[in-house]
Protein backbone atom coordinates (compact mmCIF):
# COMPACT_ATOMS: atom_id res chain seq x y z
CA MET A 1 159.54 -172.43 3.98
CA LEU A 2 163.41 -174.16 3.77
CA GLU A 3 162.56 -175.93 7.54
CA GLN A 4 159.25 -177.35 5.83
CA THR A 5 160.54 -178.67 2.81
CA GLN A 6 163.71 -179.92 5.80
CA TRP A 7 166.17 -177.72 3.67
CA HIS A 8 165.00 -179.36 0.53
CA GLN A 9 166.13 -176.57 -1.17
CA SER A 10 164.14 -177.13 -5.17
CA SER A 11 161.72 -178.36 -3.24
CA ALA A 12 161.55 -174.94 -1.55
CA ALA A 13 162.05 -172.40 -4.85
CA GLU A 14 159.40 -174.63 -6.41
CA ALA A 15 157.67 -173.32 -3.48
CA LEU A 16 158.01 -169.54 -4.05
CA GLY A 17 157.69 -169.38 -7.45
CA ILE A 18 161.60 -168.95 -8.08
CA SER A 19 164.43 -170.12 -9.18
CA ARG A 20 166.53 -173.16 -7.36
CA ARG A 21 169.54 -170.45 -8.38
CA THR A 22 167.82 -167.05 -7.19
CA LEU A 23 167.50 -169.24 -3.86
CA TYR A 24 170.62 -170.25 -4.11
CA ARG A 25 171.56 -166.63 -4.95
CA LYS A 26 169.51 -165.56 -1.34
CA LEU A 27 171.18 -168.32 0.70
CA LYS A 28 174.48 -167.42 -0.21
CA ARG A 29 174.16 -163.32 0.16
CA TYR A 30 172.32 -164.72 3.98
CA ARG A 31 175.57 -166.27 4.91
CA GLU A 32 177.84 -163.87 3.91
CA GLN A 33 176.01 -161.22 6.49
CA GLY A 34 175.93 -164.04 9.60
CA ILE A 35 172.14 -164.05 8.70
CA LEU A 36 171.84 -167.38 8.33
CA PRO A 37 174.11 -169.53 9.79
CA GLU A 38 176.39 -171.91 7.42
CA PRO A 39 174.46 -175.37 5.57
CA HIS A 40 174.81 -178.17 7.47
CA HIS A 41 175.52 -181.81 6.83
CA VAL A 42 172.46 -184.18 7.04
CA ALA A 43 172.87 -187.73 6.82
CA LEU A 44 172.10 -189.68 4.25
CA ARG A 45 167.80 -190.89 4.58
CA LEU A 46 168.43 -195.00 2.90
């Protein structure tokens, strides 16, 4: 879902029917377990 929303976490959470906080906690847990890589910085679009 994150790839579909171009890593826009608020949009992904809404599409999944969960709160942003729940998504953030899940992402943190996945990173700690090595399932998900550390976040990458995305250039701002002007």
